[in-house]
């Protein structure tokens, strides 16, 4: 894996709130899997995960981005919420739920201050779950914003440290 994605995994791993966010996501939705993913045009990389359903991903695991709904979220900058795939007009025939074996899904984009999308905060479960509620959607949006805030703060601190190191080197 290249250094950029390793740095992204390390950045998410350094955010103390992320494990708690994933825990709260699973407990409040009843879903068994939640993750923070780095999503680009060509890659889907797991950065942090809570997996109570043995989905099998860990930080550094990769899915083919074109097989994920997160790819559509990255392109549209819009979240996707599915209570029950079998009854969802848009996703009932979509190949992704069948490929990955889920019936419920929620994912929100993690949008950086400059407007770029880092990736997604997502959750899945093989059973239907009531996630299309203002409370759950609002919580996911807030958590995605919190993660984006931390990513930006960490990268600003790293840039400041690098500039200070360069200034000291030149002195």
C-alpha atoms as a PDB file:
ATOM      1  CA  UNK A   1       0.000   0.000   0.000  1.00  0.00           C
ATOM      2  CA  UNK A   2       1.361   3.402  -0.861  1.00  0.00           C
ATOM      3  CA  UNK A   3       2.425   5.981   1.707  1.00  0.00           C
ATOM      4  CA  UNK A   4      -0.572   8.267   1.142  1.00  0.00           C
ATOM      5  CA  UNK A   5      -3.071   5.596   2.186  1.00  0.00           C
ATOM      6  CA  UNK A   6      -0.874   4.475   5.084  1.00  0.00           C
ATOM      7  CA  UNK A   7      -0.844   8.105   6.250  1.00  0.00           C
ATOM      8  CA  UNK A   8      -4.651   8.273   5.943  1.00  0.00           C
ATOM      9  CA  UNK A   9      -5.024   5.107   8.037  1.00  0.00           C
ATOM     10  CA  UNK A  10      -2.620   6.532  10.630  1.00  0.00           C
ATOM     11  CA  UNK A  11      -4.509   9.840  10.690  1.00  0.00           C
ATOM     12  CA  UNK A  12      -7.841   8.125  11.351  1.00  0.00           C
ATOM     13  CA  UNK A  13      -6.131   5.834  13.891  1.00  0.00           C
ATOM     14  CA  UNK A  14      -4.855   8.882  15.773  1.00  0.00           C
ATOM     15  CA  UNK A  15      -8.347  10.299  16.282  1.00  0.00           C
ATOM     16  CA  UNK A  16      -9.282   9.073  19.752  1.00  0.00           C
ATOM     17  CA  UNK A  17     -13.014   9.593  19.107  1.00  0.00           C
ATOM     18  CA  UNK A  18     -13.218   7.219  16.120  1.00  0.00           C
ATOM     19  CA  UNK A  19     -13.547   3.919  18.072  1.00  0.00           C
ATOM     20  CA  UNK A  20     -16.245   5.539  20.226  1.00  0.00           C
ATOM     21  CA  UNK A  21     -18.028   6.855  17.122  1.00  0.00           C
ATOM     22  CA  UNK A  22     -18.051   3.384  15.553  1.00  0.00           C
ATOM     23  CA  UNK A  23     -19.282   1.892  18.829  1.00  0.00           C
ATOM     24  CA  UNK A  24     -22.104   4.450  19.107  1.00  0.00           C
ATOM     25  CA  UNK A  25     -23.049   3.892  15.443  1.00  0.00           C
ATOM     26  CA  UNK A  26     -23.441   0.149  16.030  1.00  0.00           C
ATOM     27  CA  UNK A  27     -25.259   0.519  19.348  1.00  0.00           C
ATOM     28  CA  UNK A  28     -27.727   3.177  18.172  1.00  0.00           C
ATOM     29  CA  UNK A  29     -28.554   1.530  14.833  1.00  0.00           C
ATOM     30  CA  UNK A  30     -28.372  -2.120  15.912  1.00  0.00           C
ATOM     31  CA  UNK A  31     -26.047  -2.694  12.967  1.00  0.00           C
ATOM     32  CA  UNK A  32     -23.071  -4.998  13.349  1.00  0.00           C
ATOM     33  CA  UNK A  33     -20.488  -3.303  11.156  1.00  0.00           C
ATOM     34  CA  UNK A  34     -19.291   0.292  10.987  1.00  0.00           C
ATOM     35  CA  UNK A  35     -16.239   1.763   9.301  1.00  0.00           C
ATOM     36  CA  UNK A  36     -14.402   4.863   8.254  1.00  0.00           C
ATOM     37  CA  UNK A  37     -13.223   4.381   4.679  1.00  0.00           C
ATOM     38  CA  UNK A  38     -10.862   6.383   2.480  1.00  0.00           C
ATOM     39  CA  UNK A  39     -12.608   6.587  -0.877  1.00  0.00           C
ATOM     40  CA  UNK A  40     -10.958   7.906  -4.036  1.00  0.00           C
ATOM     41  CA  UNK A  41     -11.729   7.506  -7.733  1.00  0.00           C
ATOM     42  CA  UNK A  42      -9.744   4.271  -7.770  1.00  0.00           C
ATOM     43  CA  UNK A  43      -9.585   2.949  -4.197  1.00  0.00           C
ATOM     44  CA  UNK A  44     -11.715   2.031  -1.166  1.00  0.00           C
ATOM     45  CA  UNK A  45      -9.481   1.518   1.887  1.00  0.00           C
ATOM     46  CA  UNK A  46     -10.715   0.678   5.384  1.00  0.00           C
ATOM     47  CA  UNK A  47      -9.149   3.084   7.907  1.00  0.00           C
ATOM     48  CA  UNK A  48     -11.034   2.068  11.074  1.00  0.00           C
ATOM     49  CA  UNK A  49     -13.641  -0.582  11.741  1.00  0.00           C
ATOM     50  CA  UNK A  50     -15.956  -2.157  14.271  1.00  0.00           C
ATOM     51  CA  UNK A  51     -16.991  -5.575  12.998  1.00  0.00           C
ATOM     52  CA  UNK A  52     -19.408  -7.618  15.110  1.00  0.00           C
ATOM     53  CA  UNK A  53     -20.742  -9.570  12.099  1.00  0.00           C
ATOM     54  CA  UNK A  54     -17.410 -10.975  10.896  1.00  0.00           C
ATOM     55  CA  UNK A  55     -17.553  -9.030   7.637  1.00  0.00           C
ATOM     56  CA  UNK A  56     -13.804  -9.490   7.605  1.00  0.00           C
ATOM     57  CA  UNK A  57     -12.324  -6.033   7.095  1.00  0.00           C
ATOM     58  CA  UNK A  58      -9.621  -4.418   9.195  1.00  0.00           C
ATOM     59  CA  UNK A  59      -7.626  -1.196   8.776  1.00  0.00           C
ATOM     60  CA  UNK A  60      -5.775  -1.460   5.485  1.00  0.00           C
ATOM     61  CA  UNK A  61      -8.294  -3.843   3.900  1.00  0.00           C
ATOM     62  CA  UNK A  62      -9.436  -2.851   0.443  1.00  0.00           C
ATOM     63  CA  UNK A  63     -12.597  -3.328  -1.589  1.00  0.00           C
ATOM     64  CA  UNK A  64     -12.867  -2.648  -5.304  1.00  0.00           C
ATOM     65  CA  UNK A  65     -14.270   0.872  -5.250  1.00  0.00           C
ATOM     66  CA  UNK A  66     -16.598   0.228  -8.194  1.00  0.00           C
ATOM     67  CA  UNK A  67     -18.328  -2.532  -6.173  1.00  0.00           C
ATOM     68  CA  UNK A  68     -19.227  -0.135  -3.358  1.00  0.00           C
ATOM     69  CA  UNK A  69     -22.063   2.302  -2.823  1.00  0.00           C
ATOM     70  CA  UNK A  70     -19.418   4.604  -1.317  1.00  0.00           C
ATOM     71  CA  UNK A  71     -18.201   5.259  -4.868  1.00  0.00           C
ATOM     72  CA  UNK A  72     -21.588   6.782  -5.728  1.00  0.00           C
ATOM     73  CA  UNK A  73     -21.514   8.766  -2.473  1.00  0.00           C
ATOM     74  CA  UNK A  74     -18.078  10.149  -3.380  1.00  0.00           C
ATOM     75  CA  UNK A  75     -19.348  11.180  -6.823  1.00  0.00           C
ATOM     76  CA  UNK A  76     -22.601  12.771  -5.589  1.00  0.00           C
ATOM     77  CA  UNK A  77     -21.462  14.067  -2.184  1.00  0.00           C
ATOM     78  CA  UNK A  78     -24.785  12.719  -0.857  1.00  0.00           C
ATOM     79  CA  UNK A  79     -25.387  10.099   1.821  1.00  0.00           C
ATOM     80  CA  UNK A  80     -27.271   6.877   1.182  1.00  0.00           C
ATOM     81  CA  UNK A  81     -29.696   5.378   3.687  1.00  0.00           C
ATOM     82  CA  UNK A  82     -31.351   1.972   3.257  1.00  0.00           C
ATOM     83  CA  UNK A  83     -33.586   0.417   5.935  1.00  0.00           C
ATOM     84  CA  UNK A  84     -34.245  -2.775   3.989  1.00  0.00           C
ATOM     85  CA  UNK A  85     -32.645  -3.501   0.622  1.00  0.00           C
ATOM     86  CA  UNK A  86     -35.416  -5.897  -0.394  1.00  0.00           C
ATOM     87  CA  UNK A  87     -38.020  -3.116  -0.233  1.00  0.00           C
ATOM     88  CA  UNK A  88     -35.856  -0.178  -1.348  1.00  0.00           C
ATOM     89  CA  UNK A  89     -36.925   1.095  -4.785  1.00  0.00           C
ATOM     90  CA  UNK A  90     -33.430   2.253  -5.747  1.00  0.00           C
ATOM     91  CA  UNK A  91     -31.252  -0.508  -4.286  1.00  0.00           C
ATOM     92  CA  UNK A  92     -33.392  -3.678  -4.389  1.00  0.00           C
ATOM     93  CA  UNK A  93     -31.807  -4.745  -7.673  1.00  0.00           C
ATOM     94  CA  UNK A  94     -28.398  -3.185  -7.086  1.00  0.00           C
ATOM     95  CA  UNK A  95     -25.500  -5.693  -7.165  1.00  0.00           C
ATOM     96  CA  UNK A  96     -23.622  -4.306  -4.130  1.00  0.00           C
ATOM     97  CA  UNK A  97     -26.018  -5.470  -1.366  1.00  0.00           C
ATOM     98  CA  UNK A  98     -26.110  -8.999  -2.816  1.00  0.00           C
ATOM     99  CA  UNK A  99     -22.336  -9.068  -3.286  1.00  0.00           C
ATOM    100  CA  UNK A 100     -21.645  -8.045   0.320  1.00  0.00           C
ATOM    101  CA  UNK A 101     -24.689  -9.651   1.946  1.00  0.00           C
ATOM    102  CA  UNK A 102     -26.297  -6.681   3.630  1.00  0.00           C
ATOM    103  CA  UNK A 103     -29.932  -5.624   3.997  1.00  0.00           C
ATOM    104  CA  UNK A 104     -29.431  -2.340   5.856  1.00  0.00           C
ATOM    105  CA  UNK A 105     -26.938   0.373   4.982  1.00  0.00           C
ATOM    106  CA  UNK A 106     -26.137   3.946   5.868  1.00  0.00           C
ATOM    107  CA  UNK A 107     -23.197   6.013   4.716  1.00  0.00           C
ATOM    108  CA  UNK A 108     -22.333   9.702   4.813  1.00  0.00           C
ATOM    109  CA  UNK A 109     -19.491  11.474   3.049  1.00  0.00           C
ATOM    110  CA  UNK A 110     -16.626  12.834   5.130  1.00  0.00           C
ATOM    111  CA  UNK A 111     -16.135  16.262   3.541  1.00  0.00           C
ATOM    112  CA  UNK A 112     -12.983  18.247   4.326  1.00  0.00           C
ATOM    113  CA  UNK A 113     -12.988  22.019   4.888  1.00  0.00           C
ATOM    114  CA  UNK A 114     -11.744  22.595   1.328  1.00  0.00           C
ATOM    115  CA  UNK A 115     -14.757  20.678  -0.041  1.00  0.00           C
ATOM    116  CA  UNK A 116     -12.876  17.518  -1.016  1.00  0.00           C
ATOM    117  CA  UNK A 117     -14.236  14.182   0.063  1.00  0.00           C
ATOM    118  CA  UNK A 118     -11.939  12.091   2.252  1.00  0.00           C
ATOM    119  CA  UNK A 119     -14.243   9.097   2.242  1.00  0.00           C
ATOM    120  CA  UNK A 120     -17.238   7.820   4.146  1.00  0.00           C
ATOM    121  CA  UNK A 121     -18.575   6.836   7.524  1.00  0.00           C
ATOM    122  CA  UNK A 122     -20.673   3.762   6.815  1.00  0.00           C
ATOM    123  CA  UNK A 123     -22.536   0.939   8.525  1.00  0.00           C
ATOM    124  CA  UNK A 124     -24.064  -2.289   7.240  1.00  0.00           C
ATOM    125  CA  UNK A 125     -25.918  -5.287   8.599  1.00  0.00           C
ATOM    126  CA  UNK A 126     -27.312  -8.489   7.103  1.00  0.00           C
ATOM    127  CA  UNK A 127     -30.639  -7.726   8.811  1.00  0.00           C
ATOM    128  CA  UNK A 128     -32.937  -4.782   8.071  1.00  0.00           C
ATOM    129  CA  UNK A 129     -32.536  -1.849  10.468  1.00  0.00           C
ATOM    130  CA  UNK A 130     -34.488   1.349  11.032  1.00  0.00           C
ATOM    131  CA  UNK A 131     -31.836   3.904   9.992  1.00  0.00           C
ATOM    132  CA  UNK A 132     -33.821   6.300   7.817  1.00  0.00           C
ATOM    133  CA  UNK A 133     -34.764   8.584  10.688  1.00  0.00           C
ATOM    134  CA  UNK A 134     -33.800  12.212  11.317  1.00  0.00           C
ATOM    135  CA  UNK A 135     -31.975  11.183  14.498  1.00  0.00           C
ATOM    136  CA  UNK A 136     -29.789   8.523  12.865  1.00  0.00           C
ATOM    137  CA  UNK A 137     -29.099  10.586   9.742  1.00  0.00           C
ATOM    138  CA  UNK A 138     -28.279  13.645  11.862  1.00  0.00           C
ATOM    139  CA  UNK A 139     -25.954  11.613  14.065  1.00  0.00           C
ATOM    140  CA  UNK A 140     -24.114  10.209  11.029  1.00  0.00           C
ATOM    141  CA  UNK A 141     -23.741  13.661   9.486  1.00  0.00           C
ATOM    142  CA  UNK A 142     -22.437  15.086  12.758  1.00  0.00           C
ATOM    143  CA  UNK A 143     -19.950  12.230  13.193  1.00  0.00           C
ATOM    144  CA  UNK A 144     -18.741  12.611   9.587  1.00  0.00           C
ATOM    145  CA  UNK A 145     -18.229  16.346  10.193  1.00  0.00           C
ATOM    146  CA  UNK A 146     -16.351  15.623  13.422  1.00  0.00           C
ATOM    147  CA  UNK A 147     -14.038  13.175  11.663  1.00  0.00           C
ATOM    148  CA  UNK A 148     -13.410  15.703   8.863  1.00  0.00           C
ATOM    149  CA  UNK A 149     -12.635  18.400  11.425  1.00  0.00           C
ATOM    150  CA  UNK A 150     -10.054  16.150  13.084  1.00  0.00           C
ATOM    151  CA  UNK A 151      -8.461  15.190   9.746  1.00  0.00           C
ATOM    152  CA  UNK A 152      -8.084  18.870   8.844  1.00  0.00           C
ATOM    153  CA  UNK A 153      -6.692  19.766  12.296  1.00  0.00           C
ATOM    154  CA  UNK A 154      -4.146  16.936  12.170  1.00  0.00           C
ATOM    155  CA  UNK A 155      -2.990  17.904   8.698  1.00  0.00           C
ATOM    156  CA  UNK A 156      -2.702  21.591   9.668  1.00  0.00           C
ATOM    157  CA  UNK A 157      -0.597  20.609  12.696  1.00  0.00           C
ATOM    158  CA  UNK A 158       1.625  18.405  10.534  1.00  0.00           C
ATOM    159  CA  UNK A 159       2.097  21.194   7.985  1.00  0.00           C
ATOM    160  CA  UNK A 160       2.978  23.674  10.751  1.00  0.00           C
ATOM    161  CA  UNK A 161       5.477  21.229  12.228  1.00  0.00           C
ATOM    162  CA  UNK A 162       7.051  20.633   8.820  1.00  0.00           C
ATOM    163  CA  UNK A 163       7.335  24.394   8.210  1.00  0.00           C
ATOM    164  CA  UNK A 164       8.900  24.903  11.638  1.00  0.00           C
ATOM    165  CA  UNK A 165      11.369  22.082  11.020  1.00  0.00           C
ATOM    166  CA  UNK A 166      12.290  23.587   7.645  1.00  0.00           C
ATOM    167  CA  UNK A 167      12.710  27.032   9.211  1.00  0.00           C
ATOM    168  CA  UNK A 168      15.003  25.596  11.906  1.00  0.00           C
ATOM    169  CA  UNK A 169      16.999  23.743   9.267  1.00  0.00           C
ATOM    170  CA  UNK A 170      17.574  26.952   7.321  1.00  0.00           C
ATOM    171  CA  UNK A 171      18.558  28.923  10.443  1.00  0.00           C
END
